[in-house]
Amino acid sequence: MRYHVYIMASCSRILYVGVTGCLMVRVLRHKAGQGSAFTRKYRVHRLVYTQAFQNIGDAIARETQIKGWARDKKLTLIRLHNPTWEDLAAGWGEPAPMQFKGKAGSSRWSE
C-alpha cells in the first residue's frame, strides 16, 4: 500500500496539508465539499503537491514536518514541484472516453 502526503490549495492559495492511504478518493471528497470543515469553509479543492510513501509512519512524519513549516517554506516546496500551481487532480472523477483502435469501417464483432 502507498500513503500520500498532499497539499490542497484554494484559488486564493489558502493551504491544507493532509495524509491519506487513498489519494484519489480523498481529493475527490475535498473537491465535492466533503473534506474537513476548514477545506469546506475556504474552498480548498486544488491538489498542488503530493509525495508518496510505502510506510504510514514516514508519511505521518512528513505531514507533521510540513505542517510545522512557515508558510513561505510550504510555498517554496509547491513551487519547486509545481511551479504553475496546476491542479494535479484536474479531470479526476470525470467520465473517461473509450477509444477503439482498428481500421476505419472494420469491426471486430460479427453478427
PDB file of N, CA and C in Angstrom:
ATOM      1  N   MET A   1       0.842  -1.187   0.000  1.00  0.00           N
ATOM      2  CA  MET A   1       0.000   0.000   0.000  1.00  0.00           C
ATOM      3  C   MET A   1       0.881   1.242   0.000  1.00  0.00           C
ATOM      4  N   ARG A   2       0.384   2.279  -0.626  1.00  0.00           N
ATOM      5  CA  ARG A   2       1.103   3.554  -0.664  1.00  0.00           C
ATOM      6  C   ARG A   2       0.309   4.584   0.124  1.00  0.00           C
ATOM      7  N   TYR A   3       1.018   5.462   0.784  1.00  0.00           N
ATOM      8  CA  TYR A   3       0.429   6.542   1.558  1.00  0.00           C
ATOM      9  C   TYR A   3       0.901   7.860   0.958  1.00  0.00           C
ATOM     10  N   HIS A   4       0.067   8.855   1.016  1.00  0.00           N
ATOM     11  CA  HIS A   4       0.380  10.126   0.363  1.00  0.00           C
ATOM     12  C   HIS A   4       0.240  11.295   1.327  1.00  0.00           C
ATOM     13  N   VAL A   5       1.236  12.150   1.319  1.00  0.00           N
ATOM     14  CA  VAL A   5       1.138  13.462   1.936  1.00  0.00           C
ATOM     15  C   VAL A   5       0.760  14.386   0.789  1.00  0.00           C
ATOM     16  N   TYR A   6      -0.211  15.246   1.026  1.00  0.00           N
ATOM     17  CA  TYR A   6      -0.667  16.104  -0.061  1.00  0.00           C
ATOM     18  C   TYR A   6      -0.928  17.510   0.456  1.00  0.00           C
ATOM     19  N   ILE A   7      -0.868  18.453  -0.481  1.00  0.00           N
ATOM     20  CA  ILE A   7      -1.231  19.830  -0.165  1.00  0.00           C
ATOM     21  C   ILE A   7      -2.314  20.243  -1.146  1.00  0.00           C
ATOM     22  N   MET A   8      -3.416  20.731  -0.562  1.00  0.00           N
ATOM     23  CA  MET A   8      -4.510  21.280  -1.342  1.00  0.00           C
ATOM     24  C   MET A   8      -4.442  22.801  -1.189  1.00  0.00           C
ATOM     25  N   ALA A   9      -4.931  23.513  -2.204  1.00  0.00           N
ATOM     26  CA  ALA A   9      -4.936  24.973  -2.160  1.00  0.00           C
ATOM     27  C   ALA A   9      -6.251  25.502  -2.704  1.00  0.00           C
ATOM     28  N   SER A  10      -6.630  26.664  -2.211  1.00  0.00           N
ATOM     29  CA  SER A  10      -7.792  27.363  -2.762  1.00  0.00           C
ATOM     30  C   SER A  10      -7.293  28.248  -3.907  1.00  0.00           C
ATOM     31  N   CYS A  11      -8.222  28.870  -4.602  1.00  0.00           N
ATOM     32  CA  CYS A  11      -7.832  29.798  -5.669  1.00  0.00           C
ATOM     33  C   CYS A  11      -7.017  30.964  -5.118  1.00  0.00           C
ATOM     34  N   SER A  12      -7.281  31.338  -3.866  1.00  0.00           N
ATOM     35  CA  SER A  12      -6.527  32.426  -3.237  1.00  0.00           C
ATOM     36  C   SER A  12      -5.292  31.905  -2.496  1.00  0.00           C
ATOM     37  N   ARG A  13      -4.985  30.624  -2.704  1.00  0.00           N
ATOM     38  CA  ARG A  13      -3.784  29.971  -2.181  1.00  0.00           C
ATOM     39  C   ARG A  13      -3.778  29.776  -0.669  1.00  0.00           C
ATOM     40  N   ILE A  14      -4.929  29.537  -0.097  1.00  0.00           N
ATOM     41  CA  ILE A  14      -5.005  29.051   1.275  1.00  0.00           C
ATOM     42  C   ILE A  14      -4.616  27.583   1.210  1.00  0.00           C
ATOM     43  N   LEU A  15      -3.760  27.122   2.116  1.00  0.00           N
ATOM     44  CA  LEU A  15      -3.203  25.774   2.042  1.00  0.00           C
ATOM     45  C   LEU A  15      -3.778  24.841   3.096  1.00  0.00           C
ATOM     46  N   TYR A  16      -3.849  23.563   2.731  1.00  0.00           N
ATOM     47  CA  TYR A  16      -4.239  22.492   3.650  1.00  0.00           C
ATOM     48  C   TYR A  16      -3.295  21.328   3.408  1.00  0.00           C
ATOM     49  N   VAL A  17      -2.694  20.803   4.461  1.00  0.00           N
ATOM     50  CA  VAL A  17      -1.780  19.662   4.363  1.00  0.00           C
ATOM     51  C   VAL A  17      -2.458  18.453   4.988  1.00  0.00           C
ATOM     52  N   GLY A  18      -2.418  17.317   4.291  1.00  0.00           N
ATOM     53  CA  GLY A  18      -3.042  16.107   4.809  1.00  0.00           C
ATOM     54  C   GLY A  18      -2.262  14.862   4.453  1.00  0.00           C
ATOM     55  N   VAL A  19      -2.713  13.734   4.983  1.00  0.00           N
ATOM     56  CA  VAL A  19      -2.119  12.435   4.680  1.00  0.00           C
ATOM     57  C   VAL A  19      -3.269  11.456   4.457  1.00  0.00           C
ATOM     58  N   THR A  20      -3.078  10.529   3.525  1.00  0.00           N
ATOM     59  CA  THR A  20      -4.130   9.570   3.213  1.00  0.00           C
ATOM     60  C   THR A  20      -3.541   8.291   2.626  1.00  0.00           C
ATOM     61  N   GLY A  21      -4.307   7.233   2.731  1.00  0.00           N
ATOM     62  CA  GLY A  21      -3.932   5.965   2.112  1.00  0.00           C
ATOM     63  C   GLY A  21      -4.574   5.795   0.744  1.00  0.00           C
ATOM     64  N   CYS A  22      -5.486   6.689   0.381  1.00  0.00           N
ATOM     65  CA  CYS A  22      -6.159   6.604  -0.915  1.00  0.00           C
ATOM     66  C   CYS A  22      -6.320   8.027  -1.460  1.00  0.00           C
ATOM     67  N   LEU A  23      -5.311   8.474  -2.181  1.00  0.00           N
ATOM     68  CA  LEU A  23      -5.244   9.865  -2.614  1.00  0.00           C
ATOM     69  C   LEU A  23      -6.438  10.272  -3.477  1.00  0.00           C
ATOM     70  N   MET A  24      -6.785   9.472  -4.464  1.00  0.00           N
ATOM     71  CA  MET A  24      -7.865   9.867  -5.366  1.00  0.00           C
ATOM     72  C   MET A  24      -9.183  10.055  -4.614  1.00  0.00           C
ATOM     73  N   VAL A  25      -9.523   9.108  -3.767  1.00  0.00           N
ATOM     74  CA  VAL A  25     -10.770   9.208  -3.014  1.00  0.00           C
ATOM     75  C   VAL A  25     -10.754  10.446  -2.124  1.00  0.00           C
ATOM     76  N   ARG A  26      -9.667  10.678  -1.435  1.00  0.00           N
ATOM     77  CA  ARG A  26      -9.585  11.819  -0.514  1.00  0.00           C
ATOM     78  C   ARG A  26      -9.689  13.143  -1.262  1.00  0.00           C
ATOM     79  N   VAL A  27      -8.980  13.265  -2.371  1.00  0.00           N
ATOM     80  CA  VAL A  27      -9.016  14.509  -3.148  1.00  0.00           C
ATOM     81  C   VAL A  27     -10.415  14.741  -3.717  1.00  0.00           C
ATOM     82  N   LEU A  28     -11.057  13.692  -4.215  1.00  0.00           N
ATOM     83  CA  LEU A  28     -12.405  13.845  -4.749  1.00  0.00           C
ATOM     84  C   LEU A  28     -13.390  14.257  -3.657  1.00  0.00           C
ATOM     85  N   ARG A  29     -13.165  13.803  -2.443  1.00  0.00           N
ATOM     86  CA  ARG A  29     -14.021  14.235  -1.319  1.00  0.00           C
ATOM     87  C   ARG A  29     -13.822  15.727  -1.046  1.00  0.00           C
ATOM     88  N   HIS A  30     -12.575  16.187  -1.082  1.00  0.00           N
ATOM     89  CA  HIS A  30     -12.314  17.624  -0.916  1.00  0.00           C
ATOM     90  C   HIS A  30     -13.030  18.409  -2.017  1.00  0.00           C
ATOM     91  N   LYS A  31     -12.890  17.946  -3.247  1.00  0.00           N
ATOM     92  CA  LYS A  31     -13.493  18.641  -4.385  1.00  0.00           C
ATOM     93  C   LYS A  31     -15.017  18.669  -4.283  1.00  0.00           C
ATOM     94  N   ALA A  32     -15.598  17.650  -3.674  1.00  0.00           N
ATOM     95  CA  ALA A  32     -17.055  17.570  -3.525  1.00  0.00           C
ATOM     96  C   ALA A  32     -17.549  18.307  -2.286  1.00  0.00           C
ATOM     97  N   GLY A  33     -16.639  18.952  -1.543  1.00  0.00           N
ATOM     98  CA  GLY A  33     -17.030  19.672  -0.345  1.00  0.00           C
ATOM     99  C   GLY A  33     -17.251  18.770   0.858  1.00  0.00           C
ATOM    100  N   GLN A  34     -16.688  17.564   0.822  1.00  0.00           N
ATOM    101  CA  GLN A  34     -16.846  16.616   1.913  1.00  0.00           C
ATOM    102  C   GLN A  34     -15.570  16.447   2.728  1.00  0.00           C
ATOM    103  N   GLY A  35     -14.644  17.383   2.584  1.00  0.00           N
ATOM    104  CA  GLY A  35     -13.413  17.325   3.361  1.00  0.00           C
ATOM    105  C   GLY A  35     -13.643  17.900   4.747  1.00  0.00           C
ATOM    106  N   SER A  36     -12.598  18.372   5.349  1.00  0.00           N
ATOM    107  CA  SER A  36     -12.698  18.949   6.688  1.00  0.00           C
ATOM    108  C   SER A  36     -13.494  20.254   6.645  1.00  0.00           C
ATOM    109  N   ALA A  37     -13.910  20.712   7.810  1.00  0.00           N
ATOM    110  CA  ALA A  37     -14.645  21.982   7.899  1.00  0.00           C
ATOM    111  C   ALA A  37     -13.791  23.122   7.345  1.00  0.00           C
ATOM    112  N   PHE A  38     -12.489  23.067   7.591  1.00  0.00           N
ATOM    113  CA  PHE A  38     -11.574  24.098   7.093  1.00  0.00           C
ATOM    114  C   PHE A  38     -11.584  24.138   5.570  1.00  0.00           C
ATOM    115  N   THR A  39     -11.447  22.975   4.926  1.00  0.00           N
ATOM    116  CA  THR A  39     -11.384  22.957   3.462  1.00  0.00           C
ATOM    117  C   THR A  39     -12.722  23.340   2.843  1.00  0.00           C
ATOM    118  N   ARG A  40     -13.819  23.015   3.513  1.00  0.00           N
ATOM    119  CA  ARG A  40     -15.140  23.439   3.019  1.00  0.00           C
ATOM    120  C   ARG A  40     -15.287  24.954   3.135  1.00  0.00           C
ATOM    121  N   LYS A  41     -14.909  25.494   4.283  1.00  0.00           N
ATOM    122  CA  LYS A  41     -15.071  26.931   4.529  1.00  0.00           C
ATOM    123  C   LYS A  41     -14.274  27.772   3.534  1.00  0.00           C
ATOM    124  N   TYR A  42     -13.040  27.354   3.263  1.00  0.00           N
ATOM    125  CA  TYR A  42     -12.152  28.149   2.408  1.00  0.00           C
ATOM    126  C   TYR A  42     -12.074  27.635   0.965  1.00  0.00           C
ATOM    127  N   ARG A  43     -12.915  26.664   0.637  1.00  0.00           N
ATOM    128  CA  ARG A  43     -12.978  26.101  -0.725  1.00  0.00           C
ATOM    129  C   ARG A  43     -11.598  25.658  -1.223  1.00  0.00           C
ATOM    130  N   VAL A  44     -10.960  24.881  -0.392  1.00  0.00           N
ATOM    131  CA  VAL A  44      -9.634  24.346  -0.710  1.00  0.00           C
ATOM    132  C   VAL A  44      -9.856  23.053  -1.489  1.00  0.00           C
ATOM    133  N   HIS A  45      -9.696  23.114  -2.810  1.00  0.00           N
ATOM    134  CA  HIS A  45     -10.045  21.961  -3.632  1.00  0.00           C
ATOM    135  C   HIS A  45      -9.073  21.664  -4.764  1.00  0.00           C
ATOM    136  N   ARG A  46      -7.940  22.318  -4.785  1.00  0.00           N
ATOM    137  CA  ARG A  46      -6.950  22.074  -5.847  1.00  0.00           C
ATOM    138  C   ARG A  46      -5.757  21.315  -5.273  1.00  0.00           C
ATOM    139  N   LEU A  47      -5.447  20.162  -5.834  1.00  0.00           N
ATOM    140  CA  LEU A  47      -4.273  19.397  -5.415  1.00  0.00           C
ATOM    141  C   LEU A  47      -3.046  20.016  -6.066  1.00  0.00           C
ATOM    142  N   VAL A  48      -2.124  20.535  -5.236  1.00  0.00           N
ATOM    143  CA  VAL A  48      -0.954  21.214  -5.793  1.00  0.00           C
ATOM    144  C   VAL A  48       0.368  20.520  -5.461  1.00  0.00           C
ATOM    145  N   TYR A  49       0.328  19.544  -4.565  1.00  0.00           N
ATOM    146  CA  TYR A  49       1.565  18.818  -4.205  1.00  0.00           C
ATOM    147  C   TYR A  49       1.179  17.461  -3.640  1.00  0.00           C
ATOM    148  N   THR A  50       1.967  16.461  -3.978  1.00  0.00           N
ATOM    149  CA  THR A  50       1.799  15.136  -3.382  1.00  0.00           C
ATOM    150  C   THR A  50       3.140  14.427  -3.316  1.00  0.00           C
ATOM    151  N   GLN A  51       3.295  13.613  -2.289  1.00  0.00           N
ATOM    152  CA  GLN A  51       4.503  12.811  -2.100  1.00  0.00           C
ATOM    153  C   GLN A  51       4.066  11.449  -1.576  1.00  0.00           C
ATOM    154  N   ALA A  52       4.560  10.372  -2.189  1.00  0.00           N
ATOM    155  CA  ALA A  52       4.145   9.018  -1.822  1.00  0.00           C
ATOM    156  C   ALA A  52       5.166   8.349  -0.904  1.00  0.00           C
ATOM    157  N   PHE A  53       4.651   7.476  -0.035  1.00  0.00           N
ATOM    158  CA  PHE A  53       5.468   6.716   0.920  1.00  0.00           C
ATOM    159  C   PHE A  53       4.968   5.278   0.988  1.00  0.00           C
ATOM    160  N   GLN A  54       5.842   4.369   1.283  1.00  0.00           N
ATOM    161  CA  GLN A  54       5.480   2.966   1.488  1.00  0.00           C
ATOM    162  C   GLN A  54       5.036   2.710   2.924  1.00  0.00           C
ATOM    163  N   ASN A  55       5.526   3.521   3.847  1.00  0.00           N
ATOM    164  CA  ASN A  55       5.284   3.313   5.276  1.00  0.00           C
ATOM    165  C   ASN A  55       4.431   4.448   5.829  1.00  0.00           C
ATOM    166  N   ILE A  56       3.340   4.125   6.517  1.00  0.00           N
ATOM    167  CA  ILE A  56       2.453   5.153   7.065  1.00  0.00           C
ATOM    168  C   ILE A  56       3.164   6.038   8.076  1.00  0.00           C
ATOM    169  N   GLY A  57       4.071   5.464   8.848  1.00  0.00           N
ATOM    170  CA  GLY A  57       4.820   6.258   9.826  1.00  0.00           C
ATOM    171  C   GLY A  57       5.646   7.340   9.160  1.00  0.00           C
ATOM    172  N   ASP A  58       6.278   7.008   8.035  1.00  0.00           N
ATOM    173  CA  ASP A  58       7.059   8.003   7.292  1.00  0.00           C
ATOM    174  C   ASP A  58       6.153   9.101   6.739  1.00  0.00           C
ATOM    175  N   ALA A  59       4.983   8.713   6.251  1.00  0.00           N
ATOM    176  CA  ALA A  59       4.036   9.689   5.700  1.00  0.00           C
ATOM    177  C   ALA A  59       3.556  10.640   6.790  1.00  0.00           C
ATOM    178  N   ILE A  60       3.211  10.102   7.945  1.00  0.00           N
ATOM    179  CA  ILE A  60       2.737  10.948   9.044  1.00  0.00           C
ATOM    180  C   ILE A  60       3.850  11.879   9.523  1.00  0.00           C
ATOM    181  N   ALA A  61       5.075  11.365   9.585  1.00  0.00           N
ATOM    182  CA  ALA A  61       6.204  12.206   9.996  1.00  0.00           C
ATOM    183  C   ALA A  61       6.414  13.356   9.007  1.00  0.00           C
ATOM    184  N   ARG A  62       6.285  13.076   7.711  1.00  0.00           N
ATOM    185  CA  ARG A  62       6.448  14.128   6.694  1.00  0.00           C
ATOM    186  C   ARG A  62       5.311  15.150   6.778  1.00  0.00           C
ATOM    187  N   GLU A  63       4.082  14.675   6.980  1.00  0.00           N
ATOM    188  CA  GLU A  63       2.949  15.586   7.129  1.00  0.00           C
ATOM    189  C   GLU A  63       3.182  16.515   8.321  1.00  0.00           C
ATOM    190  N   THR A  64       3.597  15.949   9.437  1.00  0.00           N
ATOM    191  CA  THR A  64       3.865  16.736  10.644  1.00  0.00           C
ATOM    192  C   THR A  64       4.962  17.756  10.388  1.00  0.00           C
ATOM    193  N   GLN A  65       6.006  17.332   9.680  1.00  0.00           N
ATOM    194  CA  GLN A  65       7.114  18.228   9.359  1.00  0.00           C
ATOM    195  C   GLN A  65       6.615  19.419   8.528  1.00  0.00           C
ATOM    196  N   ILE A  66       5.867  19.124   7.453  1.00  0.00           N
ATOM    197  CA  ILE A  66       5.389  20.200   6.571  1.00  0.00           C
ATOM    198  C   ILE A  66       4.430  21.122   7.314  1.00  0.00           C
ATOM    199  N   LYS A  67       3.539  20.557   8.128  1.00  0.00           N
ATOM    200  CA  LYS A  67       2.606  21.385   8.887  1.00  0.00           C
ATOM    201  C   LYS A  67       3.334  22.339   9.839  1.00  0.00           C
ATOM    202  N   GLY A  68       4.514  21.941  10.296  1.00  0.00           N
ATOM    203  CA  GLY A  68       5.296  22.782  11.197  1.00  0.00           C
ATOM    204  C   GLY A  68       6.078  23.882  10.506  1.00  0.00           C
ATOM    205  N   TRP A  69       6.144  23.834   9.196  1.00  0.00           N
ATOM    206  CA  TRP A  69       6.894  24.841   8.448  1.00  0.00           C
ATOM    207  C   TRP A  69       6.137  26.163   8.379  1.00  0.00           C
ATOM    208  N   ALA A  70       6.890  27.222   8.211  1.00  0.00           N
ATOM    209  CA  ALA A  70       6.301  28.530   7.925  1.00  0.00           C
ATOM    210  C   ALA A  70       5.677  28.482   6.523  1.00  0.00           C
ATOM    211  N   ARG A  71       4.708  29.344   6.297  1.00  0.00           N
ATOM    212  CA  ARG A  71       4.009  29.376   5.004  1.00  0.00           C
ATOM    213  C   ARG A  71       4.981  29.518   3.829  1.00  0.00           C
ATOM    214  N   ASP A  72       5.989  30.376   3.960  1.00  0.00           N
ATOM    215  CA  ASP A  72       6.938  30.595   2.868  1.00  0.00           C
ATOM    216  C   ASP A  72       7.646  29.306   2.459  1.00  0.00           C
ATOM    217  N   LYS A  73       7.982  28.477   3.417  1.00  0.00           N
ATOM    218  CA  LYS A  73       8.664  27.226   3.109  1.00  0.00           C
ATOM    219  C   LYS A  73       7.718  26.263   2.381  1.00  0.00           C
ATOM    220  N   LYS A  74       6.439  26.250   2.760  1.00  0.00           N
ATOM    221  CA  LYS A  74       5.447  25.427   2.058  1.00  0.00           C
ATOM    222  C   LYS A  74       5.283  25.911   0.621  1.00  0.00           C
ATOM    223  N   LEU A  75       5.236  27.226   0.438  1.00  0.00           N
ATOM    224  CA  LEU A  75       5.113  27.787  -0.908  1.00  0.00           C
ATOM    225  C   LEU A  75       6.311  27.422  -1.773  1.00  0.00           C
ATOM    226  N   THR A  76       7.487  27.439  -1.187  1.00  0.00           N
ATOM    227  CA  THR A  76       8.706  27.053  -1.912  1.00  0.00           C
ATOM    228  C   THR A  76       8.632  25.591  -2.345  1.00  0.00           C
ATOM    229  N   LEU A  77       8.158  24.722  -1.468  1.00  0.00           N
ATOM    230  CA  LEU A  77       8.009  23.302  -1.801  1.00  0.00           C
ATOM    231  C   LEU A  77       7.059  23.134  -2.987  1.00  0.00           C
ATOM    232  N   ILE A  78       5.940  23.823  -2.948  1.00  0.00           N
ATOM    233  CA  ILE A  78       4.976  23.721  -4.052  1.00  0.00           C
ATOM    234  C   ILE A  78       5.591  24.250  -5.343  1.00  0.00           C
ATOM    235  N   ARG A  79       6.205  25.406  -5.287  1.00  0.00           N
ATOM    236  CA  ARG A  79       6.814  25.998  -6.492  1.00  0.00           C
ATOM    237  C   ARG A  79       7.904  25.113  -7.077  1.00  0.00           C
ATOM    238  N   LEU A  80       8.638  24.417  -6.223  1.00  0.00           N
ATOM    239  CA  LEU A  80       9.703  23.529  -6.682  1.00  0.00           C
ATOM    240  C   LEU A  80       9.140  22.370  -7.506  1.00  0.00           C
ATOM    241  N   HIS A  81       8.025  21.814  -7.071  1.00  0.00           N
ATOM    242  CA  HIS A  81       7.438  20.644  -7.732  1.00  0.00           C
ATOM    243  C   HIS A  81       6.307  20.977  -8.697  1.00  0.00           C
ATOM    244  N   ASN A  82       5.684  22.134  -8.541  1.00  0.00           N
ATOM    245  CA  ASN A  82       4.526  22.512  -9.354  1.00  0.00           C
ATOM    246  C   ASN A  82       4.538  24.033  -9.540  1.00  0.00           C
ATOM    247  N   PRO A  83       5.486  24.543 -10.328  1.00  0.00           N
ATOM    248  CA  PRO A  83       5.682  25.996 -10.415  1.00  0.00           C
ATOM    249  C   PRO A  83       4.470  26.780 -10.913  1.00  0.00           C
ATOM    250  N   THR A  84       3.584  26.155 -11.674  1.00  0.00           N
ATOM    251  CA  THR A  84       2.416  26.866 -12.201  1.00  0.00           C
ATOM    252  C   THR A  84       1.176  26.682 -11.320  1.00  0.00           C
ATOM    253  N   TRP A  85       1.308  25.973 -10.217  1.00  0.00           N
ATOM    254  CA  TRP A  85       0.195  25.706  -9.302  1.00  0.00           C
ATOM    255  C   TRP A  85      -0.945  25.000 -10.033  1.00  0.00           C
ATOM    256  N   GLU A  86      -0.592  24.168 -10.983  1.00  0.00           N
ATOM    257  CA  GLU A  86      -1.586  23.388 -11.721  1.00  0.00           C
ATOM    258  C   GLU A  86      -2.321  22.459 -10.765  1.00  0.00           C
ATOM    259  N   ASP A  87      -3.616  22.249 -10.997  1.00  0.00           N
ATOM    260  CA  ASP A  87      -4.375  21.283 -10.204  1.00  0.00           C
ATOM    261  C   ASP A  87      -3.972  19.894 -10.685  1.00  0.00           C
ATOM    262  N   LEU A  88      -3.213  19.184  -9.868  1.00  0.00           N
ATOM    263  CA  LEU A  88      -2.701  17.869 -10.256  1.00  0.00           C
ATOM    264  C   LEU A  88      -3.804  16.823 -10.365  1.00  0.00           C
ATOM    265  N   ALA A  89      -4.986  17.157  -9.876  1.00  0.00           N
ATOM    266  CA  ALA A  89      -6.119  16.238  -9.930  1.00  0.00           C
ATOM    267  C   ALA A  89      -7.197  16.725 -10.907  1.00  0.00           C
ATOM    268  N   ALA A  90      -6.839  17.620 -11.789  1.00  0.00           N
ATOM    269  CA  ALA A  90      -7.808  18.115 -12.767  1.00  0.00           C
ATOM    270  C   ALA A  90      -8.308  16.937 -13.599  1.00  0.00           C
ATOM    271  N   GLY A  91      -9.602  16.824 -13.708  1.00  0.00           N
ATOM    272  CA  GLY A  91     -10.199  15.754 -14.507  1.00  0.00           C
ATOM    273  C   GLY A  91     -10.471  14.472 -13.743  1.00  0.00           C
ATOM    274  N   TRP A  92      -9.986  14.372 -12.521  1.00  0.00           N
ATOM    275  CA  TRP A  92     -10.254  13.163 -11.732  1.00  0.00           C
ATOM    276  C   TRP A  92     -11.751  13.071 -11.470  1.00  0.00           C
ATOM    277  N   GLY A  93     -12.302  11.899 -11.601  1.00  0.00           N
ATOM    278  CA  GLY A  93     -13.711  11.684 -11.325  1.00  0.00           C
ATOM    279  C   GLY A  93     -14.621  11.959 -12.505  1.00  0.00           C
ATOM    280  N   GLU A  94     -14.076  12.469 -13.593  1.00  0.00           N
ATOM    281  CA  GLU A  94     -14.876  12.711 -14.790  1.00  0.00           C
ATOM    282  C   GLU A  94     -14.927  11.443 -15.632  1.00  0.00           C
ATOM    283  N   PRO A  95     -15.982  11.284 -16.411  1.00  0.00           N
ATOM    284  CA  PRO A  95     -16.053  10.099 -17.281  1.00  0.00           C
ATOM    285  C   PRO A  95     -14.879  10.070 -18.251  1.00  0.00           C
ATOM    286  N   ALA A  96     -14.345   8.901 -18.461  1.00  0.00           N
ATOM    287  CA  ALA A  96     -13.229   8.733 -19.396  1.00  0.00           C
ATOM    288  C   ALA A  96     -13.779   8.197 -20.712  1.00  0.00           C
ATOM    289  N   PRO A  97     -13.472   8.866 -21.830  1.00  0.00           N
ATOM    290  CA  PRO A  97     -13.977   8.378 -23.118  1.00  0.00           C
ATOM    291  C   PRO A  97     -13.277   7.078 -23.504  1.00  0.00           C
ATOM    292  N   MET A  98     -14.023   6.197 -24.125  1.00  0.00           N
ATOM    293  CA  MET A  98     -13.442   4.943 -24.611  1.00  0.00           C
ATOM    294  C   MET A  98     -12.910   5.182 -26.013  1.00  0.00           C
ATOM    295  N   GLN A  99     -11.753   4.642 -26.284  1.00  0.00           N
ATOM    296  CA  GLN A  99     -11.157   4.774 -27.607  1.00  0.00           C
ATOM    297  C   GLN A  99     -10.889   3.393 -28.150  1.00  0.00           C
ATOM    298  N   PHE A 100     -11.218   3.193 -29.413  1.00  0.00           N
ATOM    299  CA  PHE A 100     -11.004   1.922 -30.077  1.00  0.00           C
ATOM    300  C   PHE A 100      -9.978   2.112 -31.175  1.00  0.00           C
ATOM    301  N   LYS A 101      -9.074   1.173 -31.295  1.00  0.00           N
ATOM    302  CA  LYS A 101      -8.071   1.225 -32.353  1.00  0.00           C
ATOM    303  C   LYS A 101      -8.387   0.131 -33.358  1.00  0.00           C
ATOM    304  N   GLY A 102      -8.241   0.451 -34.569  1.00  0.00           N
ATOM    305  CA  GLY A 102      -8.505  -0.511 -35.641  1.00  0.00           C
ATOM    306  C   GLY A 102      -8.703   0.237 -36.937  1.00  0.00           C
ATOM    307  N   LYS A 103      -8.918  -0.498 -38.000  1.00  0.00           N
ATOM    308  CA  LYS A 103      -9.119   0.126 -39.296  1.00  0.00           C
ATOM    309  C   LYS A 103     -10.499   0.748 -39.362  1.00  0.00           C
ATOM    310  N   ALA A 104     -10.567   1.887 -40.013  1.00  0.00           N
ATOM    311  CA  ALA A 104     -11.859   2.565 -40.154  1.00  0.00           C
ATOM    312  C   ALA A 104     -12.825   1.671 -40.906  1.00  0.00           C
ATOM    313  N   GLY A 105     -14.022   1.575 -40.404  1.00  0.00           N
ATOM    314  CA  GLY A 105     -15.059   0.796 -41.073  1.00  0.00           C
ATOM    315  C   GLY A 105     -15.037  -0.685 -40.752  1.00  0.00           C
ATOM    316  N   SER A 106     -13.973  -1.158 -40.117  1.00  0.00           N
ATOM    317  CA  SER A 106     -13.921  -2.572 -39.780  1.00  0.00           C
ATOM    318  C   SER A 106     -14.500  -2.800 -38.401  1.00  0.00           C
ATOM    319  N   SER A 107     -14.919  -3.999 -38.143  1.00  0.00           N
ATOM    320  CA  SER A 107     -15.499  -4.332 -36.851  1.00  0.00           C
ATOM    321  C   SER A 107     -14.903  -5.630 -36.357  1.00  0.00           C
ATOM    322  N   ARG A 108     -14.616  -5.702 -35.085  1.00  0.00           N
ATOM    323  CA  ARG A 108     -14.112  -6.949 -34.505  1.00  0.00           C
ATOM    324  C   ARG A 108     -15.270  -7.869 -34.177  1.00  0.00           C
ATOM    325  N   TRP A 109     -16.467  -7.331 -34.174  1.00  0.00           N
ATOM    326  CA  TRP A 109     -17.649  -8.097 -33.791  1.00  0.00           C
ATOM    327  C   TRP A 109     -18.456  -8.432 -35.039  1.00  0.00           C
ATOM    328  N   SER A 110     -18.850  -9.633 -35.147  1.00  0.00           N
ATOM    329  CA  SER A 110     -19.680 -10.007 -36.279  1.00  0.00           C
ATOM    330  C   SER A 110     -21.020 -10.506 -35.775  1.00  0.00           C
ATOM    331  N   GLU A 111     -22.014 -10.372 -36.615  1.00  0.00           N
ATOM    332  CA  GLU A 111     -23.368 -10.790 -36.233  1.00  0.00           C
ATOM    333  C   GLU A 111     -23.672 -12.136 -36.824  1.00  0.00           C
TER     334      GLU A 111
END
